[in-house]
Amino acid sequence: MMNNFKATFLKKWFALLTIVMLASASFAFSGASMLHAKETHAANASMQTIALAELPKEAQATLLSIKQGGPFAYDKDGVVFGNYESRLPKQKRGYYHEYTVKTPRARNRGVRRVIAGGEPATSGEYYYTDDHYESFKQIKE
């Protein structure tokens, strides 16, 4: 009789423990999702903007090439930008594409880029960096 009581007690205890663990995991997941959403919103709200006319002329030329579908000066123009540091709004992989902004007298691609979101030629979502992805300004047309 004692063994039956122990078995029943242990089954109920494990069932209760499982429920508590699942509830905790669910709460932690939803809490993490809410935290991520708040961080993304804060990042978007605090992002600086730059008017098209304020961009360097080379960046304006790059943006025009993006909208026309090319031609582009560098083979790597149009490749997927990973946004690994999450400095741009969170999107699925492949959403962002990067394009080189020529730097006068630079012997390589330099540090300036325009990042396009969505369909590059038509999205209207463009970001400029002049410090190789350390910071971004959203381009306002």
C-alpha atoms as a PDB file:
ATOM      1  CA  MET A   1       0.000   0.000   0.000  1.00  0.00           C
ATOM      2  CA  MET A   2       2.868   2.334   0.814  1.00  0.00           C
ATOM      3  CA  ASN A   3       4.488   1.709  -2.584  1.00  0.00           C
ATOM      4  CA  ASN A   4       1.196   2.576  -4.323  1.00  0.00           C
ATOM      5  CA  PHE A   5       1.000   5.812  -2.330  1.00  0.00           C
ATOM      6  CA  LYS A   6       4.622   6.683  -3.221  1.00  0.00           C
ATOM      7  CA  ALA A   7       4.043   5.932  -6.899  1.00  0.00           C
ATOM      8  CA  THR A   8       0.918   8.112  -6.993  1.00  0.00           C
ATOM      9  CA  PHE A   9       2.678  10.891  -5.097  1.00  0.00           C
ATOM     10  CA  LEU A  10       5.687  10.786  -7.427  1.00  0.00           C
ATOM     11  CA  LYS A  11       3.487  10.834 -10.543  1.00  0.00           C
ATOM     12  CA  LYS A  12       1.585  13.881  -9.265  1.00  0.00           C
ATOM     13  CA  TRP A  13       4.821  15.579  -8.193  1.00  0.00           C
ATOM     14  CA  PHE A  14       6.416  15.022 -11.615  1.00  0.00           C
ATOM     15  CA  ALA A  15       3.253  16.215 -13.357  1.00  0.00           C
ATOM     16  CA  LEU A  16       3.228  19.378 -11.242  1.00  0.00           C
ATOM     17  CA  LEU A  17       6.944  19.906 -11.827  1.00  0.00           C
ATOM     18  CA  THR A  18       6.446  19.515 -15.597  1.00  0.00           C
ATOM     19  CA  ILE A  19       3.630  22.077 -15.593  1.00  0.00           C
ATOM     20  CA  VAL A  20       5.717  24.547 -13.618  1.00  0.00           C
ATOM     21  CA  MET A  21       8.697  24.080 -15.948  1.00  0.00           C
ATOM     22  CA  LEU A  22       6.574  24.522 -19.072  1.00  0.00           C
ATOM     23  CA  ALA A  23       4.929  27.619 -17.642  1.00  0.00           C
ATOM     24  CA  SER A  24       8.330  29.058 -16.729  1.00  0.00           C
ATOM     25  CA  ALA A  25       9.716  28.352 -20.179  1.00  0.00           C
ATOM     26  CA  SER A  26       6.665  29.909 -21.809  1.00  0.00           C
ATOM     27  CA  PHE A  27       6.947  33.002 -19.629  1.00  0.00           C
ATOM     28  CA  ALA A  28      10.666  33.311 -20.324  1.00  0.00           C
ATOM     29  CA  PHE A  29      10.087  32.982 -24.079  1.00  0.00           C
ATOM     30  CA  SER A  30       7.296  35.566 -24.156  1.00  0.00           C
ATOM     31  CA  GLY A  31       9.327  37.856 -21.916  1.00  0.00           C
ATOM     32  CA  ALA A  32      12.316  37.562 -24.234  1.00  0.00           C
ATOM     33  CA  SER A  33      10.083  38.268 -27.234  1.00  0.00           C
ATOM     34  CA  MET A  34       8.643  41.349 -25.545  1.00  0.00           C
ATOM     35  CA  LEU A  35      12.139  42.531 -24.600  1.00  0.00           C
ATOM     36  CA  HIS A  36      13.341  42.054 -28.191  1.00  0.00           C
ATOM     37  CA  ALA A  37      10.336  43.978 -29.506  1.00  0.00           C
ATOM     38  CA  LYS A  38      11.056  46.836 -27.078  1.00  0.00           C
ATOM     39  CA  GLU A  39      14.742  46.889 -28.055  1.00  0.00           C
ATOM     40  CA  THR A  40      13.886  46.916 -31.772  1.00  0.00           C
ATOM     41  CA  HIS A  41      11.356  49.711 -31.265  1.00  0.00           C
ATOM     42  CA  ALA A  42      13.888  51.711 -29.239  1.00  0.00           C
ATOM     43  CA  ALA A  43      16.551  51.205 -31.917  1.00  0.00           C
ATOM     44  CA  ASN A  44      14.161  52.372 -34.642  1.00  0.00           C
ATOM     45  CA  ALA A  45      12.999  55.371 -32.633  1.00  0.00           C
ATOM     46  CA  SER A  46      16.536  56.506 -31.875  1.00  0.00           C
ATOM     47  CA  MET A  47      17.957  56.047 -35.388  1.00  0.00           C
ATOM     48  CA  GLN A  48      19.154  59.261 -36.933  1.00  0.00           C
ATOM     49  CA  THR A  49      17.927  60.325 -40.335  1.00  0.00           C
ATOM     50  CA  ILE A  50      19.627  62.127 -43.190  1.00  0.00           C
ATOM     51  CA  ALA A  51      17.974  63.994 -46.029  1.00  0.00           C
ATOM     52  CA  LEU A  52      18.834  62.885 -49.544  1.00  0.00           C
ATOM     53  CA  ALA A  53      20.277  66.332 -50.276  1.00  0.00           C
ATOM     54  CA  GLU A  54      22.619  66.033 -47.253  1.00  0.00           C
ATOM     55  CA  LEU A  55      24.208  62.807 -48.519  1.00  0.00           C
ATOM     56  CA  PRO A  56      27.603  62.996 -50.205  1.00  0.00           C
ATOM     57  CA  LYS A  57      27.221  63.186 -53.984  1.00  0.00           C
ATOM     58  CA  GLU A  58      28.707  59.664 -54.298  1.00  0.00           C
ATOM     59  CA  ALA A  59      25.981  58.279 -51.988  1.00  0.00           C
ATOM     60  CA  GLN A  60      23.319  60.063 -54.024  1.00  0.00           C
ATOM     61  CA  ALA A  61      24.767  58.464 -57.179  1.00  0.00           C
ATOM     62  CA  THR A  62      24.760  55.016 -55.509  1.00  0.00           C
ATOM     63  CA  LEU A  63      21.124  55.431 -54.489  1.00  0.00           C
ATOM     64  CA  LEU A  64      20.200  56.422 -58.046  1.00  0.00           C
ATOM     65  CA  SER A  65      21.982  53.302 -59.386  1.00  0.00           C
ATOM     66  CA  ILE A  66      20.084  51.131 -56.883  1.00  0.00           C
ATOM     67  CA  LYS A  67      16.760  52.552 -58.050  1.00  0.00           C
ATOM     68  CA  GLN A  68      17.733  51.986 -61.697  1.00  0.00           C
ATOM     69  CA  GLY A  69      18.882  48.417 -61.031  1.00  0.00           C
ATOM     70  CA  GLY A  70      22.512  49.213 -61.835  1.00  0.00           C
ATOM     71  CA  PRO A  71      25.098  49.358 -63.176  1.00  0.00           C
ATOM     72  CA  PHE A  72      27.225  48.993 -60.055  1.00  0.00           C
ATOM     73  CA  ALA A  73      30.908  49.706 -59.716  1.00  0.00           C
ATOM     74  CA  TYR A  74      31.805  46.711 -57.538  1.00  0.00           C
ATOM     75  CA  ASP A  75      31.129  42.985 -57.851  1.00  0.00           C
ATOM     76  CA  LYS A  76      29.951  42.814 -54.225  1.00  0.00           C
ATOM     77  CA  ASP A  77      27.273  45.468 -54.722  1.00  0.00           C
ATOM     78  CA  GLY A  78      23.846  43.959 -54.110  1.00  0.00           C
ATOM     79  CA  VAL A  79      25.002  41.148 -51.822  1.00  0.00           C
ATOM     80  CA  VAL A  80      22.961  40.314 -48.737  1.00  0.00           C
ATOM     81  CA  PHE A  81      23.742  42.434 -45.696  1.00  0.00           C
ATOM     82  CA  GLY A  82      23.463  40.274 -42.580  1.00  0.00           C
ATOM     83  CA  ASN A  83      22.693  42.981 -39.979  1.00  0.00           C
ATOM     84  CA  TYR A  84      24.522  40.799 -37.443  1.00  0.00           C
ATOM     85  CA  GLU A  85      24.954  43.664 -34.989  1.00  0.00           C
ATOM     86  CA  SER A  86      21.203  44.406 -35.209  1.00  0.00           C
ATOM     87  CA  ARG A  87      21.762  48.099 -35.807  1.00  0.00           C
ATOM     88  CA  LEU A  88      18.985  48.112 -38.406  1.00  0.00           C
ATOM     89  CA  PRO A  89      15.410  47.000 -37.719  1.00  0.00           C
ATOM     90  CA  LYS A  90      15.201  43.224 -37.328  1.00  0.00           C
ATOM     91  CA  GLN A  91      14.200  41.439 -40.534  1.00  0.00           C
ATOM     92  CA  LYS A  92      14.600  37.950 -41.948  1.00  0.00           C
ATOM     93  CA  ARG A  93      17.906  37.039 -43.570  1.00  0.00           C
ATOM     94  CA  GLY A  94      18.106  38.281 -47.143  1.00  0.00           C
ATOM     95  CA  TYR A  95      15.959  41.356 -46.538  1.00  0.00           C
ATOM     96  CA  TYR A  96      18.849  43.845 -46.636  1.00  0.00           C
ATOM     97  CA  HIS A  97      21.352  44.361 -49.476  1.00  0.00           C
ATOM     98  CA  GLU A  98      24.474  46.487 -49.427  1.00  0.00           C
ATOM     99  CA  TYR A  99      25.958  48.799 -52.032  1.00  0.00           C
ATOM    100  CA  THR A 100      29.305  50.565 -52.067  1.00  0.00           C
ATOM    101  CA  VAL A 101      29.501  54.335 -51.947  1.00  0.00           C
ATOM    102  CA  LYS A 102      32.689  55.377 -53.728  1.00  0.00           C
ATOM    103  CA  THR A 103      35.215  57.176 -51.560  1.00  0.00           C
ATOM    104  CA  PRO A 104      37.407  59.665 -53.410  1.00  0.00           C
ATOM    105  CA  ARG A 105      41.080  58.642 -53.464  1.00  0.00           C
ATOM    106  CA  ALA A 106      40.358  55.296 -51.746  1.00  0.00           C
ATOM    107  CA  ARG A 107      42.235  52.318 -53.186  1.00  0.00           C
ATOM    108  CA  ASN A 108      39.549  49.862 -52.081  1.00  0.00           C
ATOM    109  CA  ARG A 109      35.804  49.911 -51.503  1.00  0.00           C
ATOM    110  CA  GLY A 110      36.214  52.204 -48.515  1.00  0.00           C
ATOM    111  CA  VAL A 111      33.838  52.296 -45.547  1.00  0.00           C
ATOM    112  CA  ARG A 112      30.763  53.987 -46.968  1.00  0.00           C
ATOM    113  CA  ARG A 113      27.671  51.981 -47.926  1.00  0.00           C
ATOM    114  CA  VAL A 114      23.990  52.304 -48.703  1.00  0.00           C
ATOM    115  CA  ILE A 115      21.856  49.458 -47.348  1.00  0.00           C
ATOM    116  CA  ALA A 116      18.536  48.811 -49.059  1.00  0.00           C
ATOM    117  CA  GLY A 117      15.656  46.993 -47.389  1.00  0.00           C
ATOM    118  CA  GLY A 118      13.128  44.836 -49.183  1.00  0.00           C
ATOM    119  CA  GLU A 119      13.133  45.079 -52.972  1.00  0.00           C
ATOM    120  CA  PRO A 120      16.117  47.425 -53.402  1.00  0.00           C
ATOM    121  CA  ALA A 121      14.926  49.347 -56.458  1.00  0.00           C
ATOM    122  CA  THR A 122      11.462  50.155 -55.127  1.00  0.00           C
ATOM    123  CA  SER A 123      11.298  49.745 -51.345  1.00  0.00           C
ATOM    124  CA  GLY A 124      12.081  53.332 -50.356  1.00  0.00           C
ATOM    125  CA  GLU A 125      13.874  51.915 -47.308  1.00  0.00           C
ATOM    126  CA  TYR A 126      17.502  53.013 -47.437  1.00  0.00           C
ATOM    127  CA  TYR A 127      20.205  53.501 -44.836  1.00  0.00           C
ATOM    128  CA  TYR A 128      23.586  55.202 -45.080  1.00  0.00           C
ATOM    129  CA  THR A 129      26.744  54.354 -43.144  1.00  0.00           C
ATOM    130  CA  ASP A 130      30.035  56.186 -43.418  1.00  0.00           C
ATOM    131  CA  ASP A 131      31.808  54.118 -40.753  1.00  0.00           C
ATOM    132  CA  HIS A 132      31.502  50.561 -42.107  1.00  0.00           C
ATOM    133  CA  TYR A 133      28.291  49.517 -40.290  1.00  0.00           C
ATOM    134  CA  GLU A 134      29.118  51.036 -36.879  1.00  0.00           C
ATOM    135  CA  SER A 135      26.210  53.449 -37.233  1.00  0.00           C
ATOM    136  CA  PHE A 136      23.420  54.120 -39.703  1.00  0.00           C
ATOM    137  CA  LYS A 137      21.210  57.006 -40.734  1.00  0.00           C
ATOM    138  CA  GLN A 138      17.924  56.343 -42.449  1.00  0.00           C
ATOM    139  CA  ILE A 139      17.735  58.211 -45.742  1.00  0.00           C
ATOM    140  CA  LYS A 140      14.694  60.469 -45.999  1.00  0.00           C
ATOM    141  CA  GLU A 141      13.764  61.328 -49.569  1.00  0.00           C
END
